[in-house]
Amino acid sequence: MDGGPNGASVHYRALEALYASAPVNALFESRLEIVDEGHARIRFLVDERFHHAAGAAHGTIYFKMLDDAAFYAANSMVTDRFLLTTAFNLHFTRPIRTGEVIAEGRWISGRRRVFIAESHLVDSDGEEIGRGTGTFMRSHIALSGLAGYRVPE
């Protein structure tokens, strides 16, 4: 990570703004926090809009939040390029119907081109409901060229 604590903090806030600016995130009540280098947290609400026919959250919400948490944990370590998900393995451990869920992502390995990060989902009772591991690689997309990558005023 370049730039020391102040540079890191600016990068983290810009990544949080990038997350908030993505059109897909308008569909979810969610908020990203980059906790530290290699550590991201997303808080989001699950309600009936995300249910499958049997009345629990559809797997798409699990994948989205697990992938995002792992992705941002990895991209917190890269200040120049946007990372891309190249693979993601997901395990469902419990169904969730409604309530706040927290996705925690942590970098595991890689610092040059390929990064590996894991994430897990915890419901409001502190029970794990899912976990995943992703592989992410540097793209040719400069973070500085993305309109959403900015420090909020």
N, C-alpha and C. Protein backbone atom coordinates (compact mmCIF):
# COMPACT_ATOMS: atom_id res chain seq x y z
N MET A 1 0.86 -1.18 0.00
CA MET A 1 0.00 0.00 0.00
C MET A 1 0.89 1.22 0.00
N ASP A 2 0.65 2.14 -0.92
CA ASP A 2 1.44 3.38 -0.97
C ASP A 2 0.84 4.43 -0.05
N GLY A 3 1.64 5.40 0.30
CA GLY A 3 1.11 6.63 0.85
C GLY A 3 0.89 6.69 2.34
N GLY A 4 1.21 5.67 3.09
CA GLY A 4 1.05 5.75 4.53
C GLY A 4 -0.40 5.81 4.95
N PRO A 5 -0.64 6.06 6.24
CA PRO A 5 -2.00 6.03 6.78
C PRO A 5 -2.95 7.03 6.11
N ASN A 6 -2.50 8.26 5.85
CA ASN A 6 -3.39 9.22 5.23
C ASN A 6 -3.74 8.82 3.81
N GLY A 7 -2.73 8.36 3.04
CA GLY A 7 -2.98 7.88 1.68
C GLY A 7 -3.89 6.68 1.68
N ALA A 8 -3.69 5.77 2.64
CA ALA A 8 -4.54 4.59 2.74
C ALA A 8 -5.98 4.99 3.04
N SER A 9 -6.16 5.90 3.96
CA SER A 9 -7.50 6.34 4.33
C SER A 9 -8.22 6.98 3.14
N VAL A 10 -7.51 7.78 2.37
CA VAL A 10 -8.10 8.40 1.18
C VAL A 10 -8.53 7.31 0.20
N HIS A 11 -7.67 6.32 -0.01
CA HIS A 11 -8.00 5.20 -0.90
C HIS A 11 -9.22 4.45 -0.40
N TYR A 12 -9.29 4.18 0.89
CA TYR A 12 -10.42 3.44 1.45
C TYR A 12 -11.73 4.20 1.26
N ARG A 13 -11.71 5.51 1.54
CA ARG A 13 -12.94 6.31 1.38
C ARG A 13 -13.36 6.37 -0.10
N ALA A 14 -12.38 6.44 -1.00
CA ALA A 14 -12.68 6.46 -2.43
C ALA A 14 -13.28 5.13 -2.88
N LEU A 15 -12.78 4.01 -2.33
CA LEU A 15 -13.38 2.71 -2.65
C LEU A 15 -14.81 2.62 -2.12
N GLU A 16 -15.05 3.15 -0.94
CA GLU A 16 -16.42 3.17 -0.39
C GLU A 16 -17.35 3.97 -1.29
N ALA A 17 -16.86 5.10 -1.81
CA ALA A 17 -17.66 5.91 -2.73
C ALA A 17 -17.89 5.16 -4.04
N LEU A 18 -16.89 4.43 -4.50
CA LEU A 18 -17.03 3.64 -5.72
C LEU A 18 -18.13 2.60 -5.55
N TYR A 19 -18.14 1.91 -4.42
CA TYR A 19 -19.19 0.93 -4.12
C TYR A 19 -20.56 1.60 -4.17
N ALA A 20 -20.68 2.72 -3.48
CA ALA A 20 -21.97 3.42 -3.41
C ALA A 20 -22.44 3.92 -4.77
N SER A 21 -21.50 4.21 -5.67
CA SER A 21 -21.86 4.76 -6.98
C SER A 21 -22.30 3.70 -7.99
N ALA A 22 -22.03 2.43 -7.73
CA ALA A 22 -22.38 1.38 -8.68
C ALA A 22 -23.90 1.27 -8.80
N PRO A 23 -24.44 1.36 -10.00
CA PRO A 23 -25.90 1.30 -10.18
C PRO A 23 -26.55 0.07 -9.53
N VAL A 24 -25.89 -1.08 -9.55
CA VAL A 24 -26.48 -2.28 -8.96
C VAL A 24 -26.72 -2.11 -7.46
N ASN A 25 -25.91 -1.30 -6.80
CA ASN A 25 -26.06 -1.15 -5.35
C ASN A 25 -27.26 -0.30 -4.96
N ALA A 26 -27.90 0.36 -5.92
CA ALA A 26 -29.15 1.06 -5.64
C ALA A 26 -30.27 0.05 -5.33
N LEU A 27 -30.08 -1.21 -5.70
CA LEU A 27 -31.08 -2.24 -5.45
C LEU A 27 -31.03 -2.78 -4.02
N PHE A 28 -29.98 -2.46 -3.28
CA PHE A 28 -29.76 -3.03 -1.96
C PHE A 28 -29.58 -1.93 -0.93
N GLU A 29 -30.12 -2.17 0.27
CA GLU A 29 -29.81 -1.28 1.39
C GLU A 29 -28.52 -1.80 1.99
N SER A 30 -27.40 -1.24 1.51
CA SER A 30 -26.11 -1.74 1.96
C SER A 30 -25.11 -0.61 2.08
N ARG A 31 -24.11 -0.84 2.90
CA ARG A 31 -23.06 0.15 3.10
C ARG A 31 -21.73 -0.56 3.29
N LEU A 32 -20.74 -0.16 2.50
CA LEU A 32 -19.39 -0.71 2.58
C LEU A 32 -18.53 0.12 3.51
N GLU A 33 -17.72 -0.55 4.30
CA GLU A 33 -16.71 0.09 5.12
C GLU A 33 -15.39 -0.66 4.91
N ILE A 34 -14.36 0.06 4.49
CA ILE A 34 -13.03 -0.53 4.43
C ILE A 34 -12.45 -0.33 5.83
N VAL A 35 -12.31 -1.39 6.56
CA VAL A 35 -11.89 -1.33 7.96
C VAL A 35 -10.40 -1.06 8.07
N ASP A 36 -9.62 -1.73 7.23
CA ASP A 36 -8.17 -1.63 7.26
C ASP A 36 -7.66 -2.29 5.99
N GLU A 37 -6.37 -2.24 5.76
CA GLU A 37 -5.81 -2.89 4.58
C GLU A 37 -6.18 -4.38 4.60
N GLY A 38 -6.81 -4.83 3.52
CA GLY A 38 -7.18 -6.23 3.40
C GLY A 38 -8.41 -6.64 4.18
N HIS A 39 -9.21 -5.69 4.67
CA HIS A 39 -10.39 -6.00 5.48
C HIS A 39 -11.54 -5.07 5.11
N ALA A 40 -12.62 -5.66 4.60
CA ALA A 40 -13.81 -4.89 4.22
C ALA A 40 -15.04 -5.47 4.91
N ARG A 41 -16.01 -4.60 5.17
CA ARG A 41 -17.26 -5.02 5.82
C ARG A 41 -18.43 -4.36 5.08
N ILE A 42 -19.45 -5.15 4.81
CA ILE A 42 -20.67 -4.62 4.20
C ILE A 42 -21.83 -4.99 5.11
N ARG A 43 -22.60 -3.99 5.48
CA ARG A 43 -23.83 -4.21 6.24
C ARG A 43 -24.99 -4.04 5.28
N PHE A 44 -25.92 -4.98 5.30
CA PHE A 44 -27.07 -4.87 4.41
C PHE A 44 -28.30 -5.50 5.04
N LEU A 45 -29.44 -5.13 4.50
CA LEU A 45 -30.72 -5.64 4.99
C LEU A 45 -31.31 -6.62 4.00
N VAL A 46 -31.82 -7.72 4.52
CA VAL A 46 -32.53 -8.71 3.71
C VAL A 46 -34.00 -8.61 4.07
N ASP A 47 -34.84 -8.55 3.05
CA ASP A 47 -36.28 -8.59 3.26
C ASP A 47 -36.90 -9.48 2.18
N GLU A 48 -38.21 -9.53 2.15
CA GLU A 48 -38.93 -10.44 1.26
C GLU A 48 -38.65 -10.20 -0.22
N ARG A 49 -38.18 -9.02 -0.60
CA ARG A 49 -37.88 -8.75 -2.02
C ARG A 49 -36.79 -9.68 -2.54
N PHE A 50 -35.97 -10.24 -1.66
CA PHE A 50 -34.84 -11.08 -2.06
C PHE A 50 -35.12 -12.57 -1.87
N HIS A 51 -36.38 -12.94 -1.58
CA HIS A 51 -36.72 -14.32 -1.30
C HIS A 51 -36.95 -15.14 -2.57
N HIS A 52 -36.62 -16.43 -2.48
CA HIS A 52 -37.02 -17.38 -3.51
C HIS A 52 -38.40 -17.90 -3.13
N ALA A 53 -38.94 -18.83 -3.89
CA ALA A 53 -40.31 -19.31 -3.70
C ALA A 53 -40.55 -19.97 -2.35
N ALA A 54 -39.50 -20.44 -1.69
CA ALA A 54 -39.66 -21.11 -0.39
C ALA A 54 -39.50 -20.15 0.80
N GLY A 55 -39.40 -18.84 0.54
CA GLY A 55 -39.45 -17.86 1.61
C GLY A 55 -38.16 -17.54 2.34
N ALA A 56 -37.02 -17.79 1.71
CA ALA A 56 -35.72 -17.39 2.28
C ALA A 56 -34.94 -16.66 1.20
N ALA A 57 -33.86 -16.00 1.61
CA ALA A 57 -33.07 -15.21 0.66
C ALA A 57 -32.52 -16.10 -0.46
N HIS A 58 -32.65 -15.62 -1.68
CA HIS A 58 -32.11 -16.31 -2.84
C HIS A 58 -30.59 -16.27 -2.81
N GLY A 59 -29.95 -17.25 -3.41
CA GLY A 59 -28.50 -17.33 -3.42
C GLY A 59 -27.81 -16.15 -4.07
N THR A 60 -28.51 -15.41 -4.92
CA THR A 60 -27.88 -14.26 -5.55
C THR A 60 -27.43 -13.22 -4.53
N ILE A 61 -28.20 -13.05 -3.46
CA ILE A 61 -27.82 -12.08 -2.43
C ILE A 61 -26.59 -12.57 -1.67
N TYR A 62 -26.50 -13.86 -1.44
CA TYR A 62 -25.31 -14.42 -0.80
C TYR A 62 -24.08 -14.14 -1.67
N PHE A 63 -24.19 -14.51 -2.95
CA PHE A 63 -23.05 -14.32 -3.84
C PHE A 63 -22.65 -12.86 -3.93
N LYS A 64 -23.60 -11.98 -4.14
CA LYS A 64 -23.30 -10.55 -4.31
C LYS A 64 -22.53 -10.02 -3.13
N MET A 65 -23.02 -10.25 -1.93
CA MET A 65 -22.39 -9.66 -0.76
C MET A 65 -21.07 -10.34 -0.40
N LEU A 66 -20.98 -11.65 -0.58
CA LEU A 66 -19.71 -12.34 -0.33
C LEU A 66 -18.65 -11.90 -1.33
N ASP A 67 -19.02 -11.84 -2.60
CA ASP A 67 -18.08 -11.40 -3.64
C ASP A 67 -17.64 -9.96 -3.38
N ASP A 68 -18.58 -9.07 -3.10
CA ASP A 68 -18.23 -7.67 -2.87
C ASP A 68 -17.30 -7.50 -1.67
N ALA A 69 -17.59 -8.19 -0.57
CA ALA A 69 -16.74 -8.05 0.62
C ALA A 69 -15.33 -8.55 0.35
N ALA A 70 -15.20 -9.69 -0.31
CA ALA A 70 -13.87 -10.22 -0.63
C ALA A 70 -13.17 -9.32 -1.64
N PHE A 71 -13.91 -8.88 -2.66
CA PHE A 71 -13.34 -8.01 -3.69
C PHE A 71 -12.76 -6.73 -3.07
N TYR A 72 -13.55 -6.05 -2.25
CA TYR A 72 -13.07 -4.79 -1.68
C TYR A 72 -11.96 -5.00 -0.66
N ALA A 73 -11.94 -6.13 0.01
CA ALA A 73 -10.79 -6.45 0.89
C ALA A 73 -9.53 -6.52 0.04
N ALA A 74 -9.62 -7.19 -1.11
CA ALA A 74 -8.46 -7.30 -2.00
C ALA A 74 -8.12 -5.96 -2.64
N ASN A 75 -9.13 -5.23 -3.13
CA ASN A 75 -8.83 -3.97 -3.83
C ASN A 75 -8.36 -2.88 -2.87
N SER A 76 -8.56 -3.07 -1.57
CA SER A 76 -8.03 -2.10 -0.60
C SER A 76 -6.50 -2.12 -0.63
N MET A 77 -5.92 -3.17 -1.17
CA MET A 77 -4.47 -3.31 -1.23
C MET A 77 -3.87 -2.82 -2.54
N VAL A 78 -4.73 -2.40 -3.46
CA VAL A 78 -4.29 -1.97 -4.79
C VAL A 78 -4.80 -0.55 -5.01
N THR A 79 -3.87 0.40 -5.18
CA THR A 79 -4.29 1.80 -5.28
C THR A 79 -4.40 2.31 -6.72
N ASP A 80 -3.92 1.53 -7.69
CA ASP A 80 -3.92 2.05 -9.05
C ASP A 80 -4.93 1.40 -9.98
N ARG A 81 -5.31 0.15 -9.77
CA ARG A 81 -6.14 -0.59 -10.71
C ARG A 81 -7.37 -1.19 -10.05
N PHE A 82 -8.41 -1.30 -10.84
CA PHE A 82 -9.63 -1.99 -10.46
C PHE A 82 -9.38 -3.49 -10.62
N LEU A 83 -9.75 -4.27 -9.62
CA LEU A 83 -9.61 -5.72 -9.71
C LEU A 83 -10.85 -6.33 -10.35
N LEU A 84 -10.70 -7.52 -10.89
CA LEU A 84 -11.82 -8.26 -11.46
C LEU A 84 -11.90 -9.62 -10.78
N THR A 85 -13.12 -10.08 -10.51
CA THR A 85 -13.31 -11.42 -9.97
C THR A 85 -13.09 -12.42 -11.10
N THR A 86 -12.19 -13.38 -10.88
CA THR A 86 -11.96 -14.41 -11.89
C THR A 86 -12.54 -15.76 -11.47
N ALA A 87 -12.75 -15.96 -10.18
CA ALA A 87 -13.38 -17.18 -9.68
C ALA A 87 -13.92 -16.90 -8.29
N PHE A 88 -15.00 -17.58 -7.94
CA PHE A 88 -15.55 -17.42 -6.60
C PHE A 88 -16.25 -18.72 -6.21
N ASN A 89 -15.87 -19.26 -5.06
CA ASN A 89 -16.52 -20.46 -4.51
C ASN A 89 -17.36 -20.04 -3.32
N LEU A 90 -18.56 -20.58 -3.25
CA LEU A 90 -19.52 -20.14 -2.25
C LEU A 90 -20.13 -21.35 -1.54
N HIS A 91 -20.30 -21.21 -0.22
CA HIS A 91 -20.92 -22.26 0.59
C HIS A 91 -22.07 -21.63 1.38
N PHE A 92 -23.25 -22.19 1.22
CA PHE A 92 -24.42 -21.76 1.99
C PHE A 92 -24.43 -22.57 3.27
N THR A 93 -24.48 -21.90 4.43
CA THR A 93 -24.48 -22.65 5.68
C THR A 93 -25.82 -22.59 6.42
N ARG A 94 -26.60 -21.54 6.18
CA ARG A 94 -27.93 -21.40 6.80
C ARG A 94 -28.78 -20.49 5.94
N PRO A 95 -30.09 -20.68 5.94
CA PRO A 95 -30.96 -19.73 5.24
C PRO A 95 -31.15 -18.46 6.08
N ILE A 96 -31.42 -17.39 5.40
CA ILE A 96 -31.77 -16.13 6.08
C ILE A 96 -33.08 -15.64 5.48
N ARG A 97 -33.97 -15.18 6.33
CA ARG A 97 -35.25 -14.69 5.86
C ARG A 97 -35.28 -13.16 5.83
N THR A 98 -35.04 -12.55 6.97
CA THR A 98 -35.05 -11.08 7.04
C THR A 98 -34.04 -10.63 8.08
N GLY A 99 -33.70 -9.34 7.99
CA GLY A 99 -32.85 -8.74 9.00
C GLY A 99 -31.52 -8.25 8.46
N GLU A 100 -30.73 -7.67 9.37
CA GLU A 100 -29.42 -7.18 8.99
C GLU A 100 -28.44 -8.34 8.87
N VAL A 101 -27.61 -8.27 7.84
CA VAL A 101 -26.56 -9.25 7.62
C VAL A 101 -25.26 -8.49 7.44
N ILE A 102 -24.18 -9.04 7.93
CA ILE A 102 -22.86 -8.43 7.77
C ILE A 102 -21.99 -9.38 6.96
N ALA A 103 -21.40 -8.83 5.91
CA ALA A 103 -20.43 -9.56 5.11
C ALA A 103 -19.05 -9.04 5.48
N GLU A 104 -18.18 -9.93 5.92
CA GLU A 104 -16.80 -9.57 6.27
C GLU A 104 -15.88 -10.19 5.24
N GLY A 105 -15.02 -9.38 4.64
CA GLY A 105 -14.06 -9.88 3.68
C GLY A 105 -12.64 -9.63 4.15
N ARG A 106 -11.76 -10.60 3.91
CA ARG A 106 -10.35 -10.47 4.30
C ARG A 106 -9.45 -11.03 3.20
N TRP A 107 -8.41 -10.26 2.92
CA TRP A 107 -7.38 -10.68 1.98
C TRP A 107 -6.63 -11.84 2.59
N ILE A 108 -6.26 -12.82 1.75
CA ILE A 108 -5.51 -13.99 2.21
C ILE A 108 -4.11 -14.01 1.63
N SER A 109 -3.99 -13.84 0.31
CA SER A 109 -2.67 -13.90 -0.29
C SER A 109 -2.65 -13.19 -1.64
N GLY A 110 -1.42 -12.95 -2.11
CA GLY A 110 -1.21 -12.29 -3.40
C GLY A 110 -1.04 -10.80 -3.23
N ARG A 111 -0.08 -10.25 -3.96
CA ARG A 111 0.16 -8.80 -3.88
C ARG A 111 0.52 -8.20 -5.23
N ARG A 112 0.71 -9.01 -6.23
CA ARG A 112 1.15 -8.46 -7.52
C ARG A 112 0.01 -8.43 -8.53
N ARG A 113 -0.31 -9.57 -9.09
CA ARG A 113 -1.32 -9.62 -10.14
C ARG A 113 -2.60 -10.31 -9.70
N VAL A 114 -2.46 -11.39 -8.94
CA VAL A 114 -3.61 -12.18 -8.49
C VAL A 114 -3.71 -12.10 -6.96
N PHE A 115 -4.94 -11.92 -6.49
CA PHE A 115 -5.22 -11.79 -5.06
C PHE A 115 -6.26 -12.83 -4.69
N ILE A 116 -6.14 -13.38 -3.50
CA ILE A 116 -7.13 -14.31 -2.97
C ILE A 116 -7.68 -13.70 -1.69
N ALA A 117 -9.01 -13.71 -1.58
CA ALA A 117 -9.67 -13.17 -0.39
C ALA A 117 -10.83 -14.08 -0.04
N GLU A 118 -11.16 -14.09 1.24
CA GLU A 118 -12.31 -14.88 1.70
C GLU A 118 -13.31 -13.94 2.35
N SER A 119 -14.53 -14.43 2.49
CA SER A 119 -15.57 -13.64 3.13
C SER A 119 -16.57 -14.57 3.81
N HIS A 120 -17.29 -14.03 4.75
CA HIS A 120 -18.36 -14.78 5.38
C HIS A 120 -19.51 -13.84 5.71
N LEU A 121 -20.70 -14.42 5.81
CA LEU A 121 -21.93 -13.68 6.14
C LEU A 121 -22.39 -14.10 7.53
N VAL A 122 -22.79 -13.12 8.32
CA VAL A 122 -23.27 -13.36 9.68
C VAL A 122 -24.61 -12.66 9.83
N ASP A 123 -25.59 -13.37 10.39
CA ASP A 123 -26.91 -12.75 10.60
C ASP A 123 -26.92 -11.93 11.89
N SER A 124 -28.07 -11.35 12.21
CA SER A 124 -28.16 -10.46 13.37
C SER A 124 -27.99 -11.20 14.70
N ASP A 125 -28.08 -12.53 14.70
CA ASP A 125 -27.83 -13.32 15.90
C ASP A 125 -26.38 -13.76 16.02
N GLY A 126 -25.54 -13.35 15.05
CA GLY A 126 -24.14 -13.72 15.06
C GLY A 126 -23.87 -15.10 14.46
N GLU A 127 -24.87 -15.70 13.83
CA GLU A 127 -24.72 -17.02 13.21
C GLU A 127 -24.22 -16.87 11.78
N GLU A 128 -23.27 -17.71 11.41
CA GLU A 128 -22.78 -17.69 10.03
C GLU A 128 -23.86 -18.28 9.12
N ILE A 129 -24.10 -17.59 8.00
CA ILE A 129 -25.09 -18.08 7.03
C ILE A 129 -24.46 -18.42 5.68
N GLY A 130 -23.21 -18.02 5.47
CA GLY A 130 -22.54 -18.35 4.22
C GLY A 130 -21.09 -17.92 4.26
N ARG A 131 -20.30 -18.53 3.37
CA ARG A 131 -18.88 -18.14 3.25
C ARG A 131 -18.42 -18.40 1.85
N GLY A 132 -17.35 -17.70 1.47
CA GLY A 132 -16.81 -17.88 0.13
C GLY A 132 -15.36 -17.47 0.03
N THR A 133 -14.74 -17.90 -1.06
CA THR A 133 -13.36 -17.56 -1.36
C THR A 133 -13.29 -17.15 -2.81
N GLY A 134 -12.62 -16.03 -3.07
CA GLY A 134 -12.52 -15.53 -4.44
C GLY A 134 -11.10 -15.30 -4.88
N THR A 135 -10.93 -15.33 -6.19
CA THR A 135 -9.67 -14.99 -6.83
C THR A 135 -9.93 -13.74 -7.66
N PHE A 136 -9.06 -12.75 -7.52
CA PHE A 136 -9.23 -11.46 -8.16
C PHE A 136 -7.92 -11.09 -8.85
N MET A 137 -8.02 -10.47 -10.02
CA MET A 137 -6.79 -10.06 -10.68
C MET A 137 -6.88 -8.63 -11.16
N ARG A 138 -5.70 -8.02 -11.28
CA ARG A 138 -5.61 -6.64 -11.76
C ARG A 138 -6.19 -6.55 -13.17
N SER A 139 -6.93 -5.50 -13.41
CA SER A 139 -7.43 -5.22 -14.75
C SER A 139 -6.59 -4.10 -15.36
N HIS A 140 -6.97 -3.68 -16.55
CA HIS A 140 -6.33 -2.53 -17.17
C HIS A 140 -7.09 -1.24 -16.85
N ILE A 141 -8.10 -1.34 -16.00
CA ILE A 141 -8.95 -0.19 -15.65
C ILE A 141 -8.32 0.57 -14.49
N ALA A 142 -7.96 1.81 -14.75
CA ALA A 142 -7.38 2.65 -13.70
C ALA A 142 -8.47 3.09 -12.74
N LEU A 143 -8.24 2.94 -11.44
CA LEU A 143 -9.21 3.42 -10.46
C LEU A 143 -9.46 4.91 -10.63
N SER A 144 -8.40 5.67 -10.89
CA SER A 144 -8.53 7.12 -11.02
C SER A 144 -9.41 7.54 -12.20
N GLY A 145 -9.62 6.64 -13.15
CA GLY A 145 -10.47 6.94 -14.29
C GLY A 145 -11.94 6.64 -14.07
N LEU A 146 -12.28 6.05 -12.93
CA LEU A 146 -13.67 5.72 -12.62
C LEU A 146 -14.33 6.88 -11.88
N ALA A 147 -15.45 7.34 -12.41
CA ALA A 147 -16.13 8.53 -11.84
C ALA A 147 -16.47 8.34 -10.37
N GLY A 148 -16.83 7.14 -9.95
CA GLY A 148 -17.22 6.91 -8.57
C GLY A 148 -16.07 6.83 -7.60
N TYR A 149 -14.85 6.68 -8.10
CA TYR A 149 -13.67 6.55 -7.23
C TYR A 149 -13.21 7.96 -6.85
N ARG A 150 -13.73 8.43 -5.72
CA ARG A 150 -13.42 9.78 -5.27
C ARG A 150 -13.64 9.84 -3.76
N VAL A 151 -13.00 10.79 -3.15
CA VAL A 151 -13.21 10.99 -1.71
C VAL A 151 -14.44 11.88 -1.56
N PRO A 152 -15.45 11.40 -0.83
CA PRO A 152 -16.66 12.22 -0.62
C PRO A 152 -16.31 13.52 0.11
N GLU A 153 -17.03 14.55 -0.25
CA GLU A 153 -16.80 15.87 0.39
C GLU A 153 -17.54 15.99 1.68
